[in-house]
Amino acid sequence: RRSAYGLLDRITPAWPRRLLWRPLVTPGTP
């Protein structure tokens, strides 16, 4: 939570978060 990634993940609203972070999810994982 104290990383730039963690802060951005916490403050990003739900719908843009899905657009931004979906490429980070390993294929086959939720």
PDB file of all heavy atoms in Angstrom:
ATOM      1  N   ARG A   1       0.822  -1.213   0.000  1.00  0.00           N
ATOM      2  CA  ARG A   1       0.000   0.000   0.000  1.00  0.00           C
ATOM      3  C   ARG A   1       0.855   1.262   0.000  1.00  0.00           C
ATOM      4  O   ARG A   1       0.372   2.343  -0.347  1.00  0.00           O
ATOM      5  CB  ARG A   1      -0.966  -0.004   1.191  1.00  0.00           C
ATOM      6  CG  ARG A   1      -0.327   0.341   2.527  1.00  0.00           C
ATOM      7  CD  ARG A   1      -1.272   0.119   3.704  1.00  0.00           C
ATOM      8  NE  ARG A   1      -2.515   0.820   3.575  1.00  0.00           N
ATOM      9  CZ  ARG A   1      -2.722   2.057   4.027  1.00  0.00           C
ATOM     10  NH1 ARG A   1      -1.751   2.734   4.615  1.00  0.00           N
ATOM     11  NH2 ARG A   1      -3.910   2.629   3.902  1.00  0.00           N
ATOM     12  N   ARG A   2       2.127   1.117   0.349  1.00  0.00           N
ATOM     13  CA  ARG A   2       3.033   2.266   0.398  1.00  0.00           C
ATOM     14  C   ARG A   2       3.839   2.411  -0.890  1.00  0.00           C
ATOM     15  O   ARG A   2       4.795   3.177  -0.926  1.00  0.00           O
ATOM     16  CB  ARG A   2       3.983   2.137   1.583  1.00  0.00           C
ATOM     17  CG  ARG A   2       3.308   2.138   2.939  1.00  0.00           C
ATOM     18  CD  ARG A   2       2.797   3.514   3.303  1.00  0.00           C
ATOM     19  NE  ARG A   2       3.873   4.500   3.338  1.00  0.00           N
ATOM     20  CZ  ARG A   2       3.696   5.807   3.537  1.00  0.00           C
ATOM     21  NH1 ARG A   2       2.471   6.277   3.702  1.00  0.00           N
ATOM     22  NH2 ARG A   2       4.724   6.629   3.569  1.00  0.00           N
ATOM     23  N   SER A   3       3.470   1.703  -1.934  1.00  0.00           N
ATOM     24  CA  SER A   3       4.117   1.852  -3.240  1.00  0.00           C
ATOM     25  C   SER A   3       3.246   2.742  -4.126  1.00  0.00           C
ATOM     26  O   SER A   3       2.060   2.965  -3.843  1.00  0.00           O
ATOM     27  CB  SER A   3       4.314   0.490  -3.918  1.00  0.00           C
ATOM     28  OG  SER A   3       3.055  -0.078  -4.272  1.00  0.00           O
ATOM     29  N   ALA A   4       3.842   3.256  -5.222  1.00  0.00           N
ATOM     30  CA  ALA A   4       3.069   4.065  -6.169  1.00  0.00           C
ATOM     31  C   ALA A   4       1.924   3.242  -6.755  1.00  0.00           C
ATOM     32  O   ALA A   4       0.804   3.738  -6.920  1.00  0.00           O
ATOM     33  CB  ALA A   4       3.994   4.593  -7.273  1.00  0.00           C
ATOM     34  N   TYR A   5       2.204   1.993  -7.066  1.00  0.00           N
ATOM     35  CA  TYR A   5       1.163   1.088  -7.584  1.00  0.00           C
ATOM     36  C   TYR A   5       0.035   0.955  -6.575  1.00  0.00           C
ATOM     37  O   TYR A   5      -1.152   1.055  -6.922  1.00  0.00           O
ATOM     38  CB  TYR A   5       1.798  -0.267  -7.866  1.00  0.00           C
ATOM     39  CG  TYR A   5       0.855  -1.346  -8.350  1.00  0.00           C
ATOM     40  CD1 TYR A   5       0.862  -1.759  -9.681  1.00  0.00           C
ATOM     41  CD2 TYR A   5      -0.024  -1.980  -7.486  1.00  0.00           C
ATOM     42  CE1 TYR A   5       0.008  -2.756 -10.127  1.00  0.00           C
ATOM     43  CE2 TYR A   5      -0.882  -2.970  -7.921  1.00  0.00           C
ATOM     44  CZ  TYR A   5      -0.864  -3.359  -9.236  1.00  0.00           C
ATOM     45  OH  TYR A   5      -1.715  -4.348  -9.662  1.00  0.00           O
ATOM     46  N   GLY A   6       0.378   0.705  -5.307  1.00  0.00           N
ATOM     47  CA  GLY A   6      -0.636   0.514  -4.276  1.00  0.00           C
ATOM     48  C   GLY A   6      -1.491   1.748  -4.066  1.00  0.00           C
ATOM     49  O   GLY A   6      -2.710   1.656  -3.911  1.00  0.00           O
ATOM     50  N   LEU A   7      -0.871   2.926  -4.044  1.00  0.00           N
ATOM     51  CA  LEU A   7      -1.631   4.163  -3.865  1.00  0.00           C
ATOM     52  C   LEU A   7      -2.574   4.389  -5.042  1.00  0.00           C
ATOM     53  O   LEU A   7      -3.755   4.715  -4.856  1.00  0.00           O
ATOM     54  CB  LEU A   7      -0.683   5.351  -3.716  1.00  0.00           C
ATOM     55  CG  LEU A   7      -1.363   6.728  -3.576  1.00  0.00           C
ATOM     56  CD1 LEU A   7      -2.254   6.765  -2.342  1.00  0.00           C
ATOM     57  CD2 LEU A   7      -0.322   7.846  -3.521  1.00  0.00           C
ATOM     58  N   LEU A   8      -2.066   4.212  -6.249  1.00  0.00           N
ATOM     59  CA  LEU A   8      -2.892   4.412  -7.435  1.00  0.00           C
ATOM     60  C   LEU A   8      -4.051   3.411  -7.465  1.00  0.00           C
ATOM     61  O   LEU A   8      -5.184   3.763  -7.825  1.00  0.00           O
ATOM     62  CB  LEU A   8      -2.035   4.275  -8.689  1.00  0.00           C
ATOM     63  CG  LEU A   8      -2.653   4.733 -10.009  1.00  0.00           C
ATOM     64  CD1 LEU A   8      -3.056   6.198  -9.946  1.00  0.00           C
ATOM     65  CD2 LEU A   8      -1.672   4.502 -11.159  1.00  0.00           C
ATOM     66  N   ASP A   9      -3.791   2.174  -7.077  1.00  0.00           N
ATOM     67  CA  ASP A   9      -4.839   1.159  -7.039  1.00  0.00           C
ATOM     68  C   ASP A   9      -5.920   1.540  -6.038  1.00  0.00           C
ATOM     69  O   ASP A   9      -7.116   1.334  -6.282  1.00  0.00           O
ATOM     70  CB  ASP A   9      -4.225  -0.189  -6.673  1.00  0.00           C
ATOM     71  CG  ASP A   9      -5.149  -1.365  -6.960  1.00  0.00           C
ATOM     72  OD1 ASP A   9      -6.014  -1.233  -7.847  1.00  0.00           O
ATOM     73  OD2 ASP A   9      -5.006  -2.402  -6.300  1.00  0.00           O
ATOM     74  N   ARG A  10      -5.513   2.132  -4.913  1.00  0.00           N
ATOM     75  CA  ARG A  10      -6.481   2.487  -3.867  1.00  0.00           C
ATOM     76  C   ARG A  10      -7.373   3.648  -4.258  1.00  0.00           C
ATOM     77  O   ARG A  10      -8.551   3.675  -3.911  1.00  0.00           O
ATOM     78  CB  ARG A  10      -5.745   2.842  -2.571  1.00  0.00           C
ATOM     79  CG  ARG A  10      -5.222   1.651  -1.792  1.00  0.00           C
ATOM     80  CD  ARG A  10      -4.689   2.080  -0.447  1.00  0.00           C
ATOM     81  NE  ARG A  10      -3.370   2.688  -0.528  1.00  0.00           N
ATOM     82  CZ  ARG A  10      -2.935   3.660   0.253  1.00  0.00           C
ATOM     83  NH1 ARG A  10      -3.743   4.196   1.152  1.00  0.00           N
ATOM     84  NH2 ARG A  10      -1.709   4.115   0.134  1.00  0.00           N
ATOM     85  N   ILE A  11      -6.821   4.629  -4.970  1.00  0.00           N
ATOM     86  CA  ILE A  11      -7.582   5.856  -5.220  1.00  0.00           C
ATOM     87  C   ILE A  11      -8.305   5.863  -6.560  1.00  0.00           C
ATOM     88  O   ILE A  11      -9.122   6.745  -6.816  1.00  0.00           O
ATOM     89  CB  ILE A  11      -6.658   7.091  -5.136  1.00  0.00           C
ATOM     90  CG1 ILE A  11      -5.616   7.083  -6.270  1.00  0.00           C
ATOM     91  CG2 ILE A  11      -5.972   7.161  -3.775  1.00  0.00           C
ATOM     92  CD1 ILE A  11      -4.736   8.325  -6.296  1.00  0.00           C
ATOM     93  N   THR A  12      -8.032   4.886  -7.424  1.00  0.00           N
ATOM     94  CA  THR A  12      -8.667   4.855  -8.737  1.00  0.00           C
ATOM     95  C   THR A  12     -10.097   4.324  -8.624  1.00  0.00           C
ATOM     96  O   THR A  12     -10.308   3.251  -8.068  1.00  0.00           O
ATOM     97  CB  THR A  12      -7.868   3.967  -9.712  1.00  0.00           C
ATOM     98  OG1 THR A  12      -6.527   4.435  -9.780  1.00  0.00           O
ATOM     99  CG2 THR A  12      -8.474   3.999 -11.099  1.00  0.00           C
ATOM    100  N   PRO A  13     -11.090   5.037  -9.151  1.00  0.00           N
ATOM    101  CA  PRO A  13     -12.481   4.542  -9.131  1.00  0.00           C
ATOM    102  C   PRO A  13     -12.624   3.216  -9.870  1.00  0.00           C
ATOM    103  O   PRO A  13     -11.766   2.826 -10.668  1.00  0.00           O
ATOM    104  CB  PRO A  13     -13.259   5.665  -9.832  1.00  0.00           C
ATOM    105  CG  PRO A  13     -12.402   6.880  -9.688  1.00  0.00           C
ATOM    106  CD  PRO A  13     -10.981   6.386  -9.726  1.00  0.00           C
ATOM    107  N   ALA A  14     -13.758   2.556  -9.628  1.00  0.00           N
ATOM    108  CA  ALA A  14     -13.931   1.170 -10.071  1.00  0.00           C
ATOM    109  C   ALA A  14     -13.797   0.996 -11.579  1.00  0.00           C
ATOM    110  O   ALA A  14     -13.062   0.121 -12.039  1.00  0.00           O
ATOM    111  CB  ALA A  14     -15.283   0.638  -9.590  1.00  0.00           C
ATOM    112  N   TRP A  15     -14.515   1.779 -12.379  1.00  0.00           N
ATOM    113  CA  TRP A  15     -14.525   1.473 -13.818  1.00  0.00           C
ATOM    114  C   TRP A  15     -13.203   1.789 -14.498  1.00  0.00           C
ATOM    115  O   TRP A  15     -12.726   0.984 -15.286  1.00  0.00           O
ATOM    116  CB  TRP A  15     -15.699   2.163 -14.519  1.00  0.00           C
ATOM    117  CG  TRP A  15     -15.615   3.662 -14.626  1.00  0.00           C
ATOM    118  CD1 TRP A  15     -16.136   4.582 -13.768  1.00  0.00           C
ATOM    119  CD2 TRP A  15     -14.960   4.405 -15.666  1.00  0.00           C
ATOM    120  NE1 TRP A  15     -15.841   5.850 -14.189  1.00  0.00           N
ATOM    121  CE2 TRP A  15     -15.134   5.776 -15.358  1.00  0.00           C
ATOM    122  CE3 TRP A  15     -14.263   4.044 -16.820  1.00  0.00           C
ATOM    123  CZ2 TRP A  15     -14.624   6.786 -16.159  1.00  0.00           C
ATOM    124  CZ3 TRP A  15     -13.751   5.057 -17.616  1.00  0.00           C
ATOM    125  CH2 TRP A  15     -13.933   6.411 -17.293  1.00  0.00           C
ATOM    126  N   PRO A  16     -12.510   2.940 -14.207  1.00  0.00           N
ATOM    127  CA  PRO A  16     -11.188   3.105 -14.836  1.00  0.00           C
ATOM    128  C   PRO A  16     -10.160   2.135 -14.280  1.00  0.00           C
ATOM    129  O   PRO A  16      -9.217   1.758 -14.974  1.00  0.00           O
ATOM    130  CB  PRO A  16     -10.817   4.558 -14.519  1.00  0.00           C
ATOM    131  CG  PRO A  16     -11.664   4.949 -13.376  1.00  0.00           C
ATOM    132  CD  PRO A  16     -12.916   4.151 -13.481  1.00  0.00           C
ATOM    133  N   ARG A  17     -10.363   1.681 -13.025  1.00  0.00           N
ATOM    134  CA  ARG A  17      -9.444   0.687 -12.459  1.00  0.00           C
ATOM    135  C   ARG A  17      -9.502  -0.603 -13.264  1.00  0.00           C
ATOM    136  O   ARG A  17      -8.468  -1.231 -13.532  1.00  0.00           O
ATOM    137  CB  ARG A  17      -9.803   0.419 -11.001  1.00  0.00           C
ATOM    138  CG  ARG A  17      -8.935  -0.640 -10.319  1.00  0.00           C
ATOM    139  CD  ARG A  17      -9.268  -0.735  -8.840  1.00  0.00           C
ATOM    140  NE  ARG A  17      -8.477  -1.757  -8.187  1.00  0.00           N
ATOM    141  CZ  ARG A  17      -8.920  -2.966  -7.876  1.00  0.00           C
ATOM    142  NH1 ARG A  17     -10.165  -3.311  -8.165  1.00  0.00           N
ATOM    143  NH2 ARG A  17      -8.142  -3.832  -7.275  1.00  0.00           N
ATOM    144  N   ARG A  18     -10.694  -1.017 -13.665  1.00  0.00           N
ATOM    145  CA  ARG A  18     -10.805  -2.233 -14.469  1.00  0.00           C
ATOM    146  C   ARG A  18     -10.078  -2.084 -15.804  1.00  0.00           C
ATOM    147  O   ARG A  18      -9.424  -3.010 -16.276  1.00  0.00           O
ATOM    148  CB  ARG A  18     -12.281  -2.570 -14.701  1.00  0.00           C
ATOM    149  CG  ARG A  18     -12.988  -3.136 -13.482  1.00  0.00           C
ATOM    150  CD  ARG A  18     -14.313  -3.745 -13.861  1.00  0.00           C
ATOM    151  NE  ARG A  18     -15.258  -2.740 -14.333  1.00  0.00           N
ATOM    152  CZ  ARG A  18     -16.086  -2.071 -13.536  1.00  0.00           C
ATOM    153  NH1 ARG A  18     -16.081  -2.312 -12.225  1.00  0.00           N
ATOM    154  NH2 ARG A  18     -16.925  -1.184 -14.029  1.00  0.00           N
ATOM    155  N   LEU A  19     -10.171  -0.903 -16.420  1.00  0.00           N
ATOM    156  CA  LEU A  19      -9.510  -0.674 -17.697  1.00  0.00           C
ATOM    157  C   LEU A  19      -7.993  -0.631 -17.547  1.00  0.00           C
ATOM    158  O   LEU A  19      -7.249  -1.165 -18.368  1.00  0.00           O
ATOM    159  CB  LEU A  19     -10.003   0.637 -18.318  1.00  0.00           C
ATOM    160  CG  LEU A  19     -11.469   0.678 -18.744  1.00  0.00           C
ATOM    161  CD1 LEU A  19     -11.832   2.061 -19.240  1.00  0.00           C
ATOM    162  CD2 LEU A  19     -11.750  -0.363 -19.819  1.00  0.00           C
ATOM    163  N   LEU A  20      -7.521   0.020 -16.467  1.00  0.00           N
ATOM    164  CA  LEU A  20      -6.079   0.185 -16.267  1.00  0.00           C
ATOM    165  C   LEU A  20      -5.403  -1.109 -15.856  1.00  0.00           C
ATOM    166  O   LEU A  20      -4.322  -1.444 -16.345  1.00  0.00           O
ATOM    167  CB  LEU A  20      -5.819   1.250 -15.194  1.00  0.00           C
ATOM    168  CG  LEU A  20      -5.990   2.709 -15.597  1.00  0.00           C
ATOM    169  CD1 LEU A  20      -5.891   3.595 -14.362  1.00  0.00           C
ATOM    170  CD2 LEU A  20      -4.940   3.118 -16.623  1.00  0.00           C
ATOM    171  N   TRP A  21      -6.038  -1.850 -14.920  1.00  0.00           N
ATOM    172  CA  TRP A  21      -5.347  -2.968 -14.291  1.00  0.00           C
ATOM    173  C   TRP A  21      -5.605  -4.305 -14.949  1.00  0.00           C
ATOM    174  O   TRP A  21      -4.915  -5.276 -14.669  1.00  0.00           O
ATOM    175  CB  TRP A  21      -5.721  -3.065 -12.806  1.00  0.00           C
ATOM    176  CG  TRP A  21      -5.404  -1.863 -11.993  1.00  0.00           C
ATOM    177  CD1 TRP A  21      -6.168  -1.334 -10.999  1.00  0.00           C
ATOM    178  CD2 TRP A  21      -4.234  -1.030 -12.054  1.00  0.00           C
ATOM    179  NE1 TRP A  21      -5.568  -0.225 -10.457  1.00  0.00           N
ATOM    180  CE2 TRP A  21      -4.372  -0.020 -11.085  1.00  0.00           C
ATOM    181  CE3 TRP A  21      -3.090  -1.039 -12.854  1.00  0.00           C
ATOM    182  CZ2 TRP A  21      -3.422   0.957 -10.883  1.00  0.00           C
ATOM    183  CZ3 TRP A  21      -2.131  -0.050 -12.663  1.00  0.00           C
ATOM    184  CH2 TRP A  21      -2.292   0.934 -11.687  1.00  0.00           C
ATOM    185  N   ARG A  22      -6.607  -4.401 -15.817  1.00  0.00           N
ATOM    186  CA  ARG A  22      -6.892  -5.703 -16.415  1.00  0.00           C
ATOM    187  C   ARG A  22      -5.680  -6.295 -17.139  1.00  0.00           C
ATOM    188  O   ARG A  22      -5.435  -7.495 -17.036  1.00  0.00           O
ATOM    189  CB  ARG A  22      -8.090  -5.586 -17.374  1.00  0.00           C
ATOM    190  CG  ARG A  22      -8.550  -6.936 -17.926  1.00  0.00           C
ATOM    191  CD  ARG A  22      -8.890  -7.918 -16.811  1.00  0.00           C
ATOM    192  NE  ARG A  22      -9.003  -9.297 -17.288  1.00  0.00           N
ATOM    193  CZ  ARG A  22      -9.010 -10.354 -16.500  1.00  0.00           C
ATOM    194  NH1 ARG A  22      -8.904 -10.210 -15.202  1.00  0.00           N
ATOM    195  NH2 ARG A  22      -9.115 -11.566 -17.006  1.00  0.00           N
ATOM    196  N   PRO A  23      -4.857  -5.481 -17.849  1.00  0.00           N
ATOM    197  CA  PRO A  23      -3.674  -6.073 -18.486  1.00  0.00           C
ATOM    198  C   PRO A  23      -2.657  -6.634 -17.502  1.00  0.00           C
ATOM    199  O   PRO A  23      -1.792  -7.427 -17.883  1.00  0.00           O
ATOM    200  CB  PRO A  23      -3.075  -4.894 -19.273  1.00  0.00           C
ATOM    201  CG  PRO A  23      -4.211  -3.959 -19.481  1.00  0.00           C
ATOM    202  CD  PRO A  23      -5.046  -4.073 -18.250  1.00  0.00           C
ATOM    203  N   LEU A  24      -2.748  -6.229 -16.207  1.00  0.00           N
ATOM    204  CA  LEU A  24      -1.792  -6.708 -15.218  1.00  0.00           C
ATOM    205  C   LEU A  24      -2.150  -8.091 -14.692  1.00  0.00           C
ATOM    206  O   LEU A  24      -1.327  -8.757 -14.067  1.00  0.00           O
ATOM    207  CB  LEU A  24      -1.722  -5.739 -14.031  1.00  0.00           C
ATOM    208  CG  LEU A  24      -0.798  -4.534 -14.178  1.00  0.00           C
ATOM    209  CD1 LEU A  24      -1.243  -3.621 -15.302  1.00  0.00           C
ATOM    210  CD2 LEU A  24      -0.746  -3.745 -12.877  1.00  0.00           C
ATOM    211  N   VAL A  25      -3.385  -8.508 -14.923  1.00  0.00           N
ATOM    212  CA  VAL A  25      -3.835  -9.790 -14.384  1.00  0.00           C
ATOM    213  C   VAL A  25      -3.277 -10.923 -15.239  1.00  0.00           C
ATOM    214  O   VAL A  25      -3.419 -10.934 -16.455  1.00  0.00           O
ATOM    215  CB  VAL A  25      -5.372  -9.862 -14.359  1.00  0.00           C
ATOM    216  CG1 VAL A  25      -5.833 -11.218 -13.837  1.00  0.00           C
ATOM    217  CG2 VAL A  25      -5.917  -8.741 -13.487  1.00  0.00           C
ATOM    218  N   THR A  26      -2.614 -11.869 -14.603  1.00  0.00           N
ATOM    219  CA  THR A  26      -2.055 -13.012 -15.312  1.00  0.00           C
ATOM    220  C   THR A  26      -3.164 -13.810 -15.969  1.00  0.00           C
ATOM    221  O   THR A  26      -4.188 -14.089 -15.338  1.00  0.00           O
ATOM    222  CB  THR A  26      -1.287 -13.919 -14.327  1.00  0.00           C
ATOM    223  OG1 THR A  26      -0.277 -13.135 -13.691  1.00  0.00           O
ATOM    224  CG2 THR A  26      -0.651 -15.092 -15.043  1.00  0.00           C
ATOM    225  N   PRO A  27      -3.023 -14.185 -17.243  1.00  0.00           N
ATOM    226  CA  PRO A  27      -4.056 -14.973 -17.911  1.00  0.00           C
ATOM    227  C   PRO A  27      -4.407 -16.219 -17.106  1.00  0.00           C
ATOM    228  O   PRO A  27      -3.533 -16.927 -16.615  1.00  0.00           O
ATOM    229  CB  PRO A  27      -3.400 -15.335 -19.250  1.00  0.00           C
ATOM    230  CG  PRO A  27      -2.428 -14.230 -19.495  1.00  0.00           C
ATOM    231  CD  PRO A  27      -1.902 -13.856 -18.142  1.00  0.00           C
ATOM    232  N   GLY A  28      -5.710 -16.452 -16.953  1.00  0.00           N
ATOM    233  CA  GLY A  28      -6.164 -17.606 -16.192  1.00  0.00           C
ATOM    234  C   GLY A  28      -6.431 -17.319 -14.733  1.00  0.00           C
ATOM    235  O   GLY A  28      -6.878 -18.195 -13.995  1.00  0.00           O
ATOM    236  N   THR A  29      -6.152 -16.090 -14.283  1.00  0.00           N
ATOM    237  CA  THR A  29      -6.449 -15.718 -12.908  1.00  0.00           C
ATOM    238  C   THR A  29      -7.503 -14.621 -12.902  1.00  0.00           C
ATOM    239  O   THR A  29      -7.599 -13.836 -13.840  1.00  0.00           O
ATOM    240  CB  THR A  29      -5.188 -15.230 -12.162  1.00  0.00           C
ATOM    241  OG1 THR A  29      -4.698 -14.042 -12.805  1.00  0.00           O
ATOM    242  CG2 THR A  29      -4.122 -16.292 -12.150  1.00  0.00           C
ATOM    243  N   PRO A  30      -8.316 -14.546 -11.835  1.00  0.00           N
ATOM    244  CA  PRO A  30      -9.372 -13.539 -11.786  1.00  0.00           C
ATOM    245  C   PRO A  30      -8.827 -12.161 -11.464  1.00  0.00           C
ATOM    246  O   PRO A  30      -7.742 -12.023 -10.908  1.00  0.00           O
ATOM    247  CB  PRO A  30     -10.269 -14.043 -10.655  1.00  0.00           C
ATOM    248  CG  PRO A  30      -9.337 -14.771  -9.739  1.00  0.00           C
ATOM    249  CD  PRO A  30      -8.325 -15.421 -10.657  1.00  0.00           C
TER     250      PRO A  30
END
